[in-house]
Amino acid sequence: MKTWATLSAISALALVAACNKPGASSDTATKEIETKLQQQLLDAKPGDVIDIPAGTFHFDRSLSLDVDGVTIKGAGMDKTILSFKGQKAGAEGLLVNASNFTIQDLAIEDSKGDALKVNEGENVIIRRVRTEWTGGPSTSNGAYGLYPVQIKNVLIEDSVAIAAADAGIYVGQSENIVVRRNKASKNVAGIEIENSQHADVYDNIAEGNTGGILVFNMPQLTKVGQGTRVFRNKVIANNEPNFGAKGSAVGNVPAGSGVVINANDDVEIFDNDITGNDTSAVIVSSGFSSGFNDKYPHAATFDPYPEGIYVHGNRMSGNGNSPDGVQLKALRLAVVGLTGPLPEILWDGFRNPKATVPVLCTDGVPVLNADMPNKSKNPRIDTKSFVCTLPALPAVALTGILVDAPKP
């Protein structure tokens, strides 16, 4: 009996010691917060504010919210971290199907798919949110960091996107968009506006991506992209080798691309600092040279030609010194030799014969016409032909809960 009593006492002491180990209570508290957050999202009602304290919280499956009028708040993008490392189920970190939604002051890391997707709603604010794949650039990373799609009135500000295998900050099939004061780095595309209308992209830093800022129009999507202003951004050394998935739209973006316009209309690019991009500061391309025209089915509204692209008042230097890919290297050799840089603007040469507005207007910056309709038989640098002006595009007017957002 004495032996059993002694063993019982020792076991009890060991149990107490285990419970009192440093971190034991904090681990329990963390698990409680993780469970509570999952339940709060399931039980959310319009008007709820879900506060998440500082800490790193682990989830092995997607989180989701489908109630309008909810706010999710953390303690800071480097303090409240939702980690999906080792995620077993779900296509996103956090999936939101709701309107009047705000998320701010937290990070989403290492999701299996997209980090934050907000789908089919109105009045969305993404503020001071960081998305990151902490292992660095990899094709196995999720495609998108911040990913609002089919949204009317969206504001993305003061956020950070790192190492997405498609686009760090992406807005698609949406209208009335402001993307400002964000930093995108080590993504395939830093910031991308796709098949969207009325977007202002300004005061951002796009650095160290494959392509800095993209404005695309994809043929299979019915919403026509037009009316984007890209201004007061720093687009710096976007020379990351392309690690996009084979066959993806951005998988064809050449490393060293500053700003890329593809098959989009009425785009104004002004007052930007575009430096150190090895292929070109600005690329203006059609659905033909990108390969999209043949690769994807066409919506009835799709126009493969870019028109009304106005590039003026930018500070561009140190671009075009090492273009990516055999075709671009051959183009460089043909027009400037082995060591000369490509001009600041590269245009594929496709022009809509029915267009009533110019493809491209500049303030005298040299343009390389790649003559791709003729298989680049006569590429040439042209300055005078593109000197013209176009009407300035209006500032984006946000409405709904975003109506009081400061204007540029």
Protein backbone atom coordinates (compact mmCIF):
# COMPACT_ATOMS: atom_id res chain seq x y z
CA MET A 1 0.00 0.00 0.00
CA LYS A 2 2.83 2.36 0.89
CA THR A 3 4.42 1.72 -2.50
CA TRP A 4 1.16 2.52 -4.34
CA ALA A 5 0.70 5.69 -2.28
CA THR A 6 4.22 6.80 -3.10
CA LEU A 7 3.73 6.16 -6.82
CA SER A 8 0.42 8.04 -6.79
CA ALA A 9 2.05 11.01 -5.11
CA ILE A 10 4.88 11.03 -7.65
CA SER A 11 2.38 10.85 -10.54
CA ALA A 12 0.36 13.71 -9.12
CA LEU A 13 3.47 15.85 -8.72
CA ALA A 14 4.51 15.06 -12.30
CA LEU A 15 1.09 16.08 -13.59
CA VAL A 16 1.21 19.36 -11.67
CA ALA A 17 4.71 20.01 -12.97
CA ALA A 18 3.58 19.39 -16.56
CA CYS A 19 0.68 21.78 -16.17
CA ASN A 20 3.01 24.40 -14.74
CA LYS A 21 5.58 24.15 -17.55
CA PRO A 22 6.26 27.49 -19.24
CA GLY A 23 3.89 27.87 -22.19
CA ALA A 24 1.38 25.23 -21.13
CA SER A 25 -1.29 27.72 -20.10
CA SER A 26 -0.54 29.98 -23.06
CA ASP A 27 -0.93 27.03 -25.45
CA THR A 28 -4.32 26.32 -23.93
CA ALA A 29 -5.33 29.97 -24.25
CA THR A 30 -4.22 30.01 -27.89
CA LYS A 31 -6.30 26.93 -28.67
CA GLU A 32 -9.29 28.54 -26.99
CA ILE A 33 -8.91 31.66 -29.14
CA GLU A 34 -8.62 29.55 -32.31
CA THR A 35 -11.80 27.66 -31.44
CA LYS A 36 -13.58 30.86 -30.45
CA LEU A 37 -12.71 32.57 -33.75
CA GLN A 38 -14.07 29.68 -35.78
CA GLN A 39 -17.32 29.82 -33.80
CA GLN A 40 -17.57 33.62 -34.02
CA LEU A 41 -17.36 33.43 -37.81
CA LEU A 42 -20.07 30.78 -37.90
CA ASP A 43 -22.36 32.69 -35.51
CA ALA A 44 -21.68 36.21 -36.83
CA LYS A 45 -24.53 38.69 -37.21
CA PRO A 46 -24.62 42.03 -39.07
CA GLY A 47 -22.84 44.68 -37.04
CA ASP A 48 -20.54 42.27 -35.21
CA VAL A 49 -16.92 43.24 -34.58
CA ILE A 50 -14.68 40.21 -34.15
CA ASP A 51 -11.53 41.16 -32.22
CA ILE A 52 -8.53 38.85 -32.41
CA PRO A 53 -5.75 39.50 -29.88
CA ALA A 54 -2.03 39.44 -30.55
CA GLY A 55 -0.58 35.98 -31.06
CA THR A 56 0.02 33.31 -33.68
CA PHE A 57 -3.01 31.11 -34.26
CA HIS A 58 -2.90 27.90 -36.30
CA PHE A 59 -5.63 26.50 -38.54
CA ASP A 60 -5.58 23.35 -40.66
CA ARG A 61 -8.66 24.20 -42.71
CA SER A 62 -10.21 27.30 -44.28
CA LEU A 63 -12.10 29.90 -42.30
CA SER A 64 -15.22 31.41 -43.85
CA LEU A 65 -17.74 34.20 -43.33
CA ASP A 66 -21.00 34.72 -45.22
CA VAL A 67 -22.76 37.44 -43.20
CA ASP A 68 -22.94 41.10 -44.27
CA GLY A 69 -21.78 43.96 -42.09
CA VAL A 70 -19.02 42.25 -40.11
CA THR A 71 -15.63 43.69 -39.10
CA ILE A 72 -12.61 41.52 -38.26
CA LYS A 73 -9.86 43.29 -36.32
CA GLY A 74 -6.48 42.14 -35.09
CA ALA A 75 -3.84 43.87 -32.98
CA GLY A 76 -1.52 44.60 -35.92
CA MET A 77 -0.27 42.93 -39.09
CA ASP A 78 2.87 41.73 -37.28
CA LYS A 79 1.11 40.91 -34.01
CA THR A 80 -2.02 38.94 -34.92
CA ILE A 81 -1.05 36.09 -37.24
CA LEU A 82 -3.42 33.50 -38.68
CA SER A 83 -1.14 30.68 -39.82
CA PHE A 84 -2.33 28.00 -42.24
CA LYS A 85 0.98 26.18 -42.50
CA GLY A 86 0.21 22.52 -43.10
CA GLN A 87 -3.38 23.32 -44.10
CA LYS A 88 -5.29 20.11 -44.87
CA ALA A 89 -8.63 21.34 -46.22
CA GLY A 90 -10.05 24.34 -48.05
CA ALA A 91 -8.99 26.44 -51.01
CA GLU A 92 -8.34 29.66 -49.07
CA GLY A 93 -7.13 30.89 -45.74
CA LEU A 94 -10.18 33.09 -45.20
CA LEU A 95 -13.10 33.11 -47.65
CA VAL A 96 -15.68 35.91 -47.34
CA ASN A 97 -18.94 36.04 -49.28
CA ALA A 98 -20.43 39.24 -47.88
CA SER A 99 -20.93 42.98 -48.29
CA ASN A 100 -20.09 45.88 -45.96
CA PHE A 101 -17.07 43.92 -44.77
CA THR A 102 -13.93 45.28 -43.13
CA ILE A 103 -10.78 43.40 -42.19
CA GLN A 104 -7.76 45.07 -40.65
CA ASP A 105 -4.62 44.76 -38.55
CA LEU A 106 -3.71 41.11 -38.97
CA ALA A 107 -1.66 38.72 -41.09
CA ILE A 108 -2.58 35.57 -43.00
CA GLU A 109 0.38 33.28 -43.60
CA ASP A 110 1.13 30.13 -45.59
CA SER A 111 -2.37 29.27 -46.81
CA LYS A 112 -2.69 26.33 -49.18
CA GLY A 113 -4.52 28.49 -51.71
CA ASP A 114 -5.46 32.17 -51.76
CA ALA A 115 -4.83 33.94 -48.46
CA LEU A 116 -7.89 36.23 -48.35
CA LYS A 117 -10.66 35.97 -50.93
CA VAL A 118 -13.67 38.30 -50.78
CA ASN A 119 -16.27 37.32 -53.33
CA GLU A 120 -19.42 38.94 -54.77
CA GLY A 121 -20.25 41.86 -52.54
CA GLU A 122 -20.20 45.61 -52.07
CA ASN A 123 -18.28 48.01 -49.85
CA VAL A 124 -15.18 46.09 -48.83
CA ILE A 125 -12.27 47.53 -46.84
CA ILE A 126 -8.96 45.69 -46.49
CA ARG A 127 -6.68 47.75 -44.27
CA ARG A 128 -3.27 46.96 -42.76
CA VAL A 129 -3.43 43.29 -43.67
CA ARG A 130 -0.32 41.28 -44.47
CA THR A 131 -0.40 38.11 -46.58
CA GLU A 132 2.78 36.08 -46.86
CA TRP A 133 4.20 32.70 -47.77
CA THR A 134 7.06 32.63 -45.34
CA GLY A 135 9.23 30.20 -47.33
CA GLY A 136 9.66 32.80 -50.08
CA PRO A 137 8.75 32.57 -53.78
CA SER A 138 7.58 29.11 -54.87
CA THR A 139 5.18 27.75 -57.46
CA SER A 140 3.56 25.73 -54.66
CA ASN A 141 2.47 28.89 -52.84
CA GLY A 142 -1.12 30.06 -52.99
CA ALA A 143 -2.05 32.06 -56.07
CA TYR A 144 -3.37 35.30 -54.53
CA GLY A 145 -2.66 37.27 -51.38
CA LEU A 146 -5.45 39.86 -51.20
CA TYR A 147 -8.14 38.76 -53.66
CA PRO A 148 -11.41 40.71 -53.87
CA VAL A 149 -13.40 39.65 -56.93
CA GLN A 150 -16.77 40.81 -58.28
CA ILE A 151 -16.94 43.66 -55.77
CA LYS A 152 -18.47 47.12 -56.12
CA ASN A 153 -16.55 49.67 -54.03
CA VAL A 154 -13.34 48.20 -52.66
CA LEU A 155 -10.55 49.91 -50.72
CA ILE A 156 -7.21 48.18 -50.11
CA GLU A 157 -4.78 50.31 -48.15
CA ASP A 158 -1.62 50.15 -46.03
CA SER A 159 -1.28 46.41 -46.59
CA VAL A 160 1.58 44.07 -47.50
CA ALA A 161 1.63 41.10 -49.89
CA ILE A 162 4.62 38.77 -50.17
CA ALA A 163 5.42 35.70 -52.31
CA ALA A 164 2.08 34.93 -53.99
CA ALA A 165 2.43 32.57 -56.96
CA ASP A 166 0.07 34.73 -59.04
CA ALA A 167 -0.68 38.22 -57.69
CA GLY A 168 0.03 39.68 -54.28
CA ILE A 169 -2.80 42.21 -54.51
CA TYR A 170 -5.44 41.36 -57.10
CA VAL A 171 -8.78 42.99 -57.87
CA GLY A 172 -10.86 41.28 -60.54
CA GLN A 173 -14.22 41.85 -62.26
CA SER A 174 -14.93 44.76 -59.93
CA GLU A 175 -15.69 48.47 -60.11
CA ASN A 176 -14.88 51.57 -58.07
CA ILE A 177 -11.53 50.47 -56.71
CA VAL A 178 -8.83 52.21 -54.68
CA VAL A 179 -5.52 50.44 -54.02
CA ARG A 180 -3.17 52.74 -52.11
CA ARG A 181 -0.14 52.86 -49.82
CA ASN A 182 0.50 49.13 -50.06
CA LYS A 183 3.72 47.20 -50.53
CA ALA A 184 3.94 44.15 -52.79
CA SER A 185 7.17 42.18 -53.08
CA LYS A 186 8.43 38.77 -54.24
CA ASN A 187 5.14 37.96 -56.00
CA VAL A 188 4.78 37.05 -59.66
CA ALA A 189 2.54 40.10 -60.10
CA GLY A 190 2.83 42.70 -57.38
CA ILE A 191 -0.51 44.44 -57.97
CA GLU A 192 -3.01 43.39 -60.63
CA ILE A 193 -6.25 45.00 -61.79
CA GLU A 194 -8.08 42.59 -64.09
CA ASN A 195 -11.32 43.05 -66.06
CA SER A 196 -12.28 45.88 -63.75
CA GLN A 197 -13.57 49.41 -64.18
CA HIS A 198 -12.65 52.68 -62.48
CA ALA A 199 -9.57 51.86 -60.43
CA ASP A 200 -7.08 54.19 -58.77
CA VAL A 201 -3.74 52.55 -57.93
CA TYR A 202 -1.49 55.04 -56.16
CA ASP A 203 1.21 55.60 -53.53
CA ASN A 204 2.14 51.90 -53.58
CA ILE A 205 5.55 50.23 -53.62
CA ALA A 206 5.89 47.33 -56.05
CA GLU A 207 9.42 46.03 -55.64
CA GLY A 208 11.15 42.74 -56.37
CA ASN A 209 8.23 41.03 -58.12
CA THR A 210 8.31 39.48 -61.60
CA GLY A 211 6.01 42.28 -62.80
CA GLY A 212 5.28 45.35 -60.69
CA ILE A 213 1.78 46.56 -61.61
CA LEU A 214 -0.45 44.78 -64.15
CA VAL A 215 -3.67 46.01 -65.77
CA PHE A 216 -5.13 43.09 -67.72
CA ASN A 217 -8.25 42.22 -69.67
CA MET A 218 -8.80 38.47 -70.01
CA PRO A 219 -10.87 37.20 -72.96
CA GLN A 220 -13.07 34.69 -71.13
CA LEU A 221 -14.46 37.21 -68.61
CA THR A 222 -17.52 39.27 -69.51
CA LYS A 223 -16.68 42.46 -67.59
CA VAL A 224 -14.68 44.83 -69.79
CA GLY A 225 -11.63 46.35 -68.14
CA GLN A 226 -11.17 50.11 -68.55
CA GLY A 227 -10.57 53.35 -66.70
CA THR A 228 -7.55 52.64 -64.47
CA ARG A 229 -5.19 55.31 -63.15
CA VAL A 230 -1.71 54.22 -62.01
CA PHE A 231 0.08 57.12 -60.32
CA ARG A 232 2.55 58.13 -57.60
CA ASN A 233 3.82 54.58 -57.25
CA LYS A 234 7.37 53.33 -56.83
CA VAL A 235 7.90 50.45 -59.25
CA ILE A 236 11.39 49.23 -58.48
CA ALA A 237 13.58 46.34 -59.68
CA ASN A 238 10.82 43.86 -60.44
CA ASN A 239 13.24 41.21 -61.63
CA GLU A 240 12.15 38.10 -59.71
CA PRO A 241 12.27 35.03 -62.01
CA ASN A 242 8.73 34.03 -62.94
CA PHE A 243 7.57 31.26 -60.59
CA GLY A 244 3.93 31.27 -61.68
CA ALA A 245 2.18 28.01 -62.44
CA LYS A 246 2.74 26.73 -65.95
CA GLY A 247 -0.14 27.83 -68.16
CA SER A 248 -1.35 30.58 -65.83
CA ALA A 249 -1.96 34.05 -67.26
CA VAL A 250 0.87 35.63 -65.29
CA GLY A 251 3.16 32.71 -66.10
CA ASN A 252 3.98 34.54 -69.34
CA VAL A 253 4.95 37.85 -67.73
CA PRO A 254 8.65 38.48 -68.40
CA ALA A 255 10.83 39.08 -65.37
CA GLY A 256 11.87 42.71 -65.27
CA SER A 257 8.47 44.20 -66.13
CA GLY A 258 7.54 47.47 -64.45
CA VAL A 259 3.96 48.28 -65.50
CA VAL A 260 2.19 45.93 -67.94
CA ILE A 261 -1.00 46.79 -69.81
CA ASN A 262 -2.67 43.95 -71.70
CA ALA A 263 -5.78 44.39 -73.87
CA ASN A 264 -7.11 47.09 -71.55
CA ASP A 265 -8.51 50.50 -72.51
CA ASP A 266 -8.29 53.99 -71.04
CA VAL A 267 -5.34 53.56 -68.70
CA GLU A 268 -3.44 56.61 -67.43
CA ILE A 269 0.09 56.07 -66.05
CA PHE A 270 1.62 59.20 -64.55
CA ASP A 271 3.85 60.61 -61.81
CA ASN A 272 5.43 57.23 -61.02
CA ASP A 273 9.04 56.33 -60.25
CA ILE A 274 9.82 53.31 -62.42
CA THR A 275 13.42 52.18 -62.06
CA GLY A 276 15.68 49.18 -62.42
CA ASN A 277 13.26 46.84 -64.21
CA ASP A 278 15.39 44.65 -66.47
CA THR A 279 12.93 44.18 -69.36
CA SER A 280 11.00 47.44 -69.62
CA ALA A 281 9.47 50.24 -67.57
CA VAL A 282 6.10 49.99 -69.36
CA ILE A 283 4.81 47.22 -71.64
CA VAL A 284 1.68 47.75 -73.75
CA SER A 285 0.48 44.51 -75.29
CA SER A 286 -2.54 42.97 -76.97
CA GLY A 287 -4.26 39.63 -76.57
CA PHE A 288 -2.34 38.44 -79.61
CA SER A 289 1.23 38.80 -78.35
CA SER A 290 0.34 37.56 -74.86
CA GLY A 291 -1.16 34.39 -76.31
CA PHE A 292 -4.45 34.97 -74.46
CA ASN A 293 -6.39 35.47 -77.68
CA ASP A 294 -5.86 31.87 -78.79
CA LYS A 295 -5.63 30.20 -75.40
CA TYR A 296 -8.96 31.17 -73.83
CA PRO A 297 -12.58 31.25 -75.02
CA HIS A 298 -13.86 34.72 -75.86
CA ALA A 299 -16.67 36.61 -74.19
CA ALA A 300 -18.73 38.61 -76.69
CA THR A 301 -17.44 41.82 -75.11
CA PHE A 302 -13.72 41.02 -75.43
CA ASP A 303 -11.51 43.38 -77.43
CA PRO A 304 -7.91 42.13 -77.70
CA TYR A 305 -6.50 45.56 -78.57
CA PRO A 306 -5.33 48.10 -75.98
CA GLU A 307 -6.50 51.65 -76.68
CA GLY A 308 -6.25 55.01 -74.96
CA ILE A 309 -3.08 54.28 -72.96
CA TYR A 310 -1.64 57.59 -71.72
CA VAL A 311 1.89 57.53 -70.25
CA HIS A 312 3.18 60.90 -69.07
CA GLY A 313 5.10 62.67 -66.34
CA ASN A 314 6.89 59.60 -65.00
CA ARG A 315 10.48 59.33 -63.79
CA MET A 316 11.97 56.30 -65.51
CA SER A 317 15.59 55.16 -65.43
CA GLY A 318 17.77 52.07 -65.40
CA ASN A 319 15.21 49.89 -67.17
CA GLY A 320 15.60 47.48 -70.09
CA ASN A 321 19.20 46.43 -69.43
CA SER A 322 18.65 42.66 -69.39
CA PRO A 323 15.36 41.64 -71.03
CA ASP A 324 13.91 38.25 -70.14
CA GLY A 325 13.41 35.49 -72.69
CA VAL A 326 14.80 34.61 -76.09
CA GLN A 327 12.34 36.74 -78.08
CA LEU A 328 13.02 39.90 -76.10
CA LYS A 329 16.77 39.33 -76.17
CA ALA A 330 16.60 38.99 -79.96
CA LEU A 331 14.54 42.18 -80.12
CA ARG A 332 17.16 44.00 -78.10
CA LEU A 333 19.95 42.76 -80.35
CA ALA A 334 18.05 43.92 -83.44
CA VAL A 335 17.38 47.47 -82.26
CA VAL A 336 20.10 48.46 -79.76
CA GLY A 337 22.77 45.75 -79.96
CA LEU A 338 24.19 43.51 -77.29
CA THR A 339 24.68 46.11 -74.59
CA GLY A 340 22.12 48.85 -75.20
CA PRO A 341 18.99 49.08 -73.04
CA LEU A 342 15.53 48.65 -74.48
CA PRO A 343 13.50 51.88 -74.57
CA GLU A 344 11.35 52.71 -71.55
CA ILE A 345 8.11 51.72 -73.33
CA LEU A 346 7.65 48.49 -75.26
CA TRP A 347 4.60 48.14 -77.54
CA ASP A 348 3.86 44.90 -79.38
CA GLY A 349 2.67 46.77 -82.50
CA PHE A 350 -0.90 45.45 -82.74
CA ARG A 351 -3.35 48.22 -83.59
CA ASN A 352 -7.12 48.00 -84.00
CA PRO A 353 -7.86 49.21 -87.54
CA LYS A 354 -11.31 50.38 -86.39
CA ALA A 355 -10.09 52.34 -83.37
CA THR A 356 -11.02 56.00 -83.08
CA VAL A 357 -8.50 56.79 -80.31
CA PRO A 358 -4.73 56.22 -80.28
CA VAL A 359 -3.28 53.04 -78.87
CA LEU A 360 -0.70 55.03 -76.94
CA CYS A 361 0.11 58.64 -76.12
CA THR A 362 3.33 59.75 -74.42
CA ASP A 363 5.15 62.96 -73.55
CA GLY A 364 8.08 62.08 -75.79
CA VAL A 365 9.48 58.98 -74.09
CA PRO A 366 10.97 56.61 -76.70
CA VAL A 367 8.77 53.67 -77.66
CA LEU A 368 9.96 50.38 -79.12
CA ASN A 369 7.46 49.15 -81.70
CA ALA A 370 8.16 45.41 -81.67
CA ASP A 371 6.29 44.89 -84.97
CA MET A 372 4.88 41.59 -83.74
CA PRO A 373 2.06 41.52 -86.32
CA ASN A 374 4.89 40.98 -88.84
CA LYS A 375 6.84 38.57 -86.63
CA SER A 376 9.17 41.42 -85.59
CA LYS A 377 10.66 41.79 -89.06
CA ASN A 378 10.95 45.56 -88.69
CA PRO A 379 11.19 46.53 -85.01
CA ARG A 380 11.97 50.20 -84.50
CA ILE A 381 12.29 52.91 -81.92
CA ASP A 382 9.80 55.72 -82.40
CA THR A 383 9.30 58.86 -80.38
CA LYS A 384 7.41 61.40 -82.44
CA SER A 385 4.52 59.19 -83.57
CA PHE A 386 3.30 58.73 -80.00
CA VAL A 387 3.52 62.32 -78.77
CA CYS A 388 -0.09 63.24 -78.08
CA THR A 389 -2.44 63.89 -75.19
CA LEU A 390 -5.60 62.23 -73.97
CA PRO A 391 -8.19 63.54 -71.51
CA ALA A 392 -7.21 62.95 -67.89
CA LEU A 393 -9.24 60.19 -66.29
CA PRO A 394 -11.45 61.16 -63.35
CA ALA A 395 -10.65 60.16 -59.78
CA VAL A 396 -12.52 57.13 -58.50
CA ALA A 397 -15.58 58.03 -56.46
CA LEU A 398 -16.19 55.45 -53.75
CA THR A 399 -19.74 55.17 -52.44
CA GLY A 400 -21.52 53.35 -49.63
CA ILE A 401 -19.48 52.92 -46.44
CA LEU A 402 -16.39 54.08 -48.32
CA VAL A 403 -17.76 57.47 -49.33
CA ASP A 404 -15.69 59.26 -46.68
CA ALA A 405 -12.40 57.66 -47.70
CA PRO A 406 -9.81 60.41 -48.28
CA LYS A 407 -9.29 61.35 -51.91
CA PRO A 408 -5.84 61.58 -53.54
